[in-house]
N, C-alpha and C. Protein backbone atom coordinates (compact mmCIF):
# COMPACT_ATOMS: atom_id res chain seq x y z
N MET A 1 19.01 -15.95 4.03
CA MET A 1 20.11 -15.26 3.40
C MET A 1 20.00 -13.77 3.68
N THR A 2 21.07 -13.15 4.02
CA THR A 2 21.08 -11.71 4.28
C THR A 2 22.04 -11.02 3.32
N THR A 3 21.79 -9.74 3.13
CA THR A 3 22.63 -8.91 2.28
C THR A 3 22.98 -7.65 3.06
N LYS A 4 24.23 -7.28 3.00
CA LYS A 4 24.67 -6.06 3.66
C LYS A 4 24.27 -4.87 2.80
N ALA A 5 23.70 -3.84 3.44
CA ALA A 5 23.28 -2.63 2.73
C ALA A 5 23.62 -1.41 3.58
N THR A 6 23.93 -0.34 2.91
CA THR A 6 24.17 0.92 3.59
C THR A 6 22.94 1.79 3.44
N LEU A 7 22.38 2.23 4.56
CA LEU A 7 21.21 3.10 4.56
C LEU A 7 21.57 4.43 5.18
N TYR A 8 21.06 5.48 4.63
CA TYR A 8 21.26 6.80 5.20
C TYR A 8 19.94 7.21 5.85
N LEU A 9 19.94 7.24 7.18
CA LEU A 9 18.73 7.52 7.95
C LEU A 9 18.85 8.85 8.67
N ASP A 10 17.72 9.45 8.89
CA ASP A 10 17.67 10.63 9.74
C ASP A 10 18.21 10.23 11.11
N ALA A 11 19.01 11.09 11.72
CA ALA A 11 19.65 10.77 13.00
C ALA A 11 18.63 10.44 14.09
N THR A 12 17.54 11.18 14.12
CA THR A 12 16.52 10.93 15.13
C THR A 12 15.81 9.61 14.89
N VAL A 13 15.57 9.28 13.64
CA VAL A 13 14.95 8.00 13.31
C VAL A 13 15.86 6.86 13.75
N TYR A 14 17.14 6.97 13.43
CA TYR A 14 18.09 5.92 13.82
C TYR A 14 18.15 5.78 15.34
N LYS A 15 18.22 6.91 16.04
CA LYS A 15 18.29 6.87 17.50
C LYS A 15 17.04 6.19 18.07
N THR A 16 15.90 6.51 17.50
CA THR A 16 14.64 5.91 17.96
C THR A 16 14.63 4.41 17.70
N PHE A 17 15.08 4.00 16.52
CA PHE A 17 15.17 2.57 16.21
C PHE A 17 16.14 1.88 17.18
N LYS A 18 17.25 2.53 17.46
CA LYS A 18 18.24 1.95 18.36
C LYS A 18 17.66 1.76 19.76
N LEU A 19 16.91 2.76 20.25
CA LEU A 19 16.26 2.65 21.56
C LEU A 19 15.21 1.54 21.58
N ARG A 20 14.46 1.45 20.49
CA ARG A 20 13.45 0.39 20.41
C ARG A 20 14.13 -0.98 20.36
N ALA A 21 15.22 -1.08 19.64
CA ALA A 21 15.96 -2.34 19.57
C ALA A 21 16.41 -2.77 20.96
N LEU A 22 16.89 -1.82 21.74
CA LEU A 22 17.32 -2.14 23.11
C LEU A 22 16.13 -2.58 23.96
N ASP A 23 15.00 -1.88 23.83
CA ASP A 23 13.81 -2.21 24.61
C ASP A 23 13.21 -3.56 24.25
N THR A 24 13.34 -3.96 22.99
CA THR A 24 12.71 -5.19 22.52
C THR A 24 13.71 -6.34 22.37
N ASP A 25 14.94 -6.09 22.74
CA ASP A 25 16.00 -7.10 22.63
C ASP A 25 16.13 -7.62 21.20
N GLN A 26 16.09 -6.70 20.25
CA GLN A 26 16.27 -7.02 18.83
C GLN A 26 17.39 -6.15 18.28
N SER A 27 17.85 -6.49 17.12
CA SER A 27 18.86 -5.64 16.47
C SER A 27 18.15 -4.57 15.63
N VAL A 28 18.86 -3.50 15.35
CA VAL A 28 18.32 -2.47 14.47
C VAL A 28 18.03 -3.08 13.10
N SER A 29 18.92 -3.93 12.65
CA SER A 29 18.72 -4.60 11.35
C SER A 29 17.41 -5.38 11.33
N SER A 30 17.12 -6.08 12.40
CA SER A 30 15.89 -6.86 12.49
C SER A 30 14.67 -5.95 12.44
N LEU A 31 14.73 -4.84 13.16
CA LEU A 31 13.61 -3.89 13.15
C LEU A 31 13.40 -3.28 11.77
N VAL A 32 14.49 -2.89 11.11
CA VAL A 32 14.39 -2.31 9.78
C VAL A 32 13.84 -3.35 8.80
N ASN A 33 14.34 -4.58 8.89
CA ASN A 33 13.86 -5.65 8.02
C ASN A 33 12.36 -5.88 8.23
N ASP A 34 11.92 -5.92 9.49
CA ASP A 34 10.50 -6.12 9.79
C ASP A 34 9.65 -4.96 9.24
N ALA A 35 10.17 -3.73 9.37
CA ALA A 35 9.44 -2.57 8.86
C ALA A 35 9.33 -2.61 7.34
N MET A 36 10.40 -3.02 6.70
CA MET A 36 10.39 -3.12 5.23
C MET A 36 9.43 -4.21 4.77
N LEU A 37 9.44 -5.35 5.45
CA LEU A 37 8.51 -6.43 5.10
C LEU A 37 7.06 -6.00 5.31
N ALA A 38 6.80 -5.26 6.38
CA ALA A 38 5.44 -4.77 6.63
C ALA A 38 5.00 -3.82 5.52
N GLN A 39 5.91 -2.97 5.07
CA GLN A 39 5.58 -2.04 3.98
C GLN A 39 5.30 -2.80 2.69
N LEU A 40 6.10 -3.80 2.39
CA LEU A 40 5.89 -4.60 1.19
C LEU A 40 4.55 -5.35 1.26
N ALA A 41 4.22 -5.87 2.43
CA ALA A 41 2.94 -6.57 2.60
C ALA A 41 1.78 -5.60 2.39
N GLU A 42 1.92 -4.38 2.88
CA GLU A 42 0.89 -3.37 2.67
C GLU A 42 0.76 -3.02 1.20
N ASP A 43 1.89 -2.93 0.51
CA ASP A 43 1.87 -2.66 -0.93
C ASP A 43 1.13 -3.76 -1.69
N VAL A 44 1.39 -5.01 -1.32
CA VAL A 44 0.71 -6.13 -1.97
C VAL A 44 -0.80 -6.04 -1.73
N ALA A 45 -1.18 -5.73 -0.50
CA ALA A 45 -2.61 -5.60 -0.18
C ALA A 45 -3.24 -4.46 -0.98
N ASP A 46 -2.52 -3.35 -1.10
CA ASP A 46 -3.03 -2.21 -1.88
C ASP A 46 -3.20 -2.59 -3.35
N ILE A 47 -2.22 -3.27 -3.91
CA ILE A 47 -2.29 -3.67 -5.32
C ILE A 47 -3.45 -4.62 -5.54
N ARG A 48 -3.64 -5.57 -4.64
CA ARG A 48 -4.77 -6.51 -4.76
C ARG A 48 -6.10 -5.76 -4.71
N SER A 49 -6.19 -4.81 -3.80
CA SER A 49 -7.41 -4.02 -3.66
C SER A 49 -7.70 -3.21 -4.93
N ILE A 50 -6.67 -2.60 -5.48
CA ILE A 50 -6.82 -1.82 -6.71
C ILE A 50 -7.26 -2.72 -7.86
N ARG A 51 -6.61 -3.87 -8.00
CA ARG A 51 -6.97 -4.79 -9.09
C ARG A 51 -8.39 -5.30 -8.93
N LYS A 52 -8.81 -5.55 -7.71
CA LYS A 52 -10.17 -6.01 -7.46
C LYS A 52 -11.19 -4.94 -7.87
N ARG A 53 -10.90 -3.69 -7.51
CA ARG A 53 -11.81 -2.59 -7.90
C ARG A 53 -11.82 -2.40 -9.41
N GLN A 54 -10.66 -2.52 -10.04
CA GLN A 54 -10.60 -2.37 -11.49
C GLN A 54 -11.37 -3.48 -12.18
N ALA A 55 -11.28 -4.70 -11.68
CA ALA A 55 -11.97 -5.82 -12.30
C ALA A 55 -13.49 -5.69 -12.14
N ALA A 56 -13.93 -5.05 -11.06
CA ALA A 56 -15.36 -4.92 -10.79
C ALA A 56 -16.00 -3.75 -11.52
N GLN A 57 -15.20 -2.89 -12.11
CA GLN A 57 -15.77 -1.71 -12.78
C GLN A 57 -16.58 -2.14 -13.99
N GLU A 58 -17.68 -1.47 -14.13
CA GLU A 58 -18.53 -1.72 -15.30
C GLU A 58 -17.93 -1.02 -16.51
N THR A 59 -18.30 -1.52 -17.67
CA THR A 59 -17.88 -0.87 -18.90
C THR A 59 -18.54 0.51 -18.95
N PRO A 60 -17.78 1.54 -19.24
CA PRO A 60 -18.36 2.88 -19.29
C PRO A 60 -19.45 2.97 -20.37
N LEU A 61 -20.47 3.74 -20.06
CA LEU A 61 -21.56 3.95 -21.02
C LEU A 61 -21.16 5.02 -22.02
N SER A 62 -21.67 4.88 -23.22
CA SER A 62 -21.50 5.96 -24.19
C SER A 62 -22.52 7.04 -23.83
N TYR A 63 -22.40 8.17 -24.45
CA TYR A 63 -23.34 9.26 -24.19
C TYR A 63 -24.76 8.83 -24.55
N ASP A 64 -24.90 8.19 -25.69
CA ASP A 64 -26.23 7.72 -26.12
C ASP A 64 -26.81 6.72 -25.12
N GLN A 65 -25.97 5.79 -24.66
CA GLN A 65 -26.44 4.80 -23.69
C GLN A 65 -26.84 5.47 -22.38
N ALA A 66 -26.09 6.46 -21.96
CA ALA A 66 -26.42 7.17 -20.72
C ALA A 66 -27.75 7.89 -20.86
N LEU A 67 -27.99 8.52 -22.00
CA LEU A 67 -29.27 9.19 -22.22
C LEU A 67 -30.42 8.19 -22.21
N GLN A 68 -30.24 7.05 -22.88
CA GLN A 68 -31.26 6.01 -22.91
C GLN A 68 -31.57 5.50 -21.50
N GLU A 69 -30.54 5.35 -20.69
CA GLU A 69 -30.75 4.87 -19.32
C GLU A 69 -31.51 5.91 -18.51
N LEU A 70 -31.19 7.18 -18.69
CA LEU A 70 -31.92 8.23 -17.99
C LEU A 70 -33.38 8.25 -18.42
N GLN A 71 -33.63 8.07 -19.71
CA GLN A 71 -35.01 8.01 -20.21
C GLN A 71 -35.75 6.80 -19.65
N LYS A 72 -35.09 5.66 -19.67
CA LYS A 72 -35.70 4.42 -19.17
C LYS A 72 -36.09 4.55 -17.71
N ASN A 73 -35.29 5.26 -16.93
CA ASN A 73 -35.55 5.43 -15.51
C ASN A 73 -36.45 6.63 -15.21
N GLY A 74 -36.93 7.30 -16.25
CA GLY A 74 -37.86 8.41 -16.08
C GLY A 74 -37.23 9.68 -15.55
N VAL A 75 -35.91 9.77 -15.65
CA VAL A 75 -35.23 10.96 -15.16
C VAL A 75 -35.41 12.11 -16.17
N ILE A 76 -35.35 11.77 -17.46
CA ILE A 76 -35.57 12.80 -18.49
C ILE A 76 -36.65 12.34 -19.44
């Protein structure tokens, strides 16, 4: 299913996309769609990476706990 949309692009960007479309025997719409899908896929990967790092974070230590850990390790 496709949806018609109006995009306002920089003239040079559009010209470059048009030249690439001619070189690759694709439509400008196809190139824009592929670029948008690639960006969305990157966003999903970024979100997964962020959630993974957040899930792996340890519970923050309180000041007292941090001091005790420093003492236990012979730092202070």
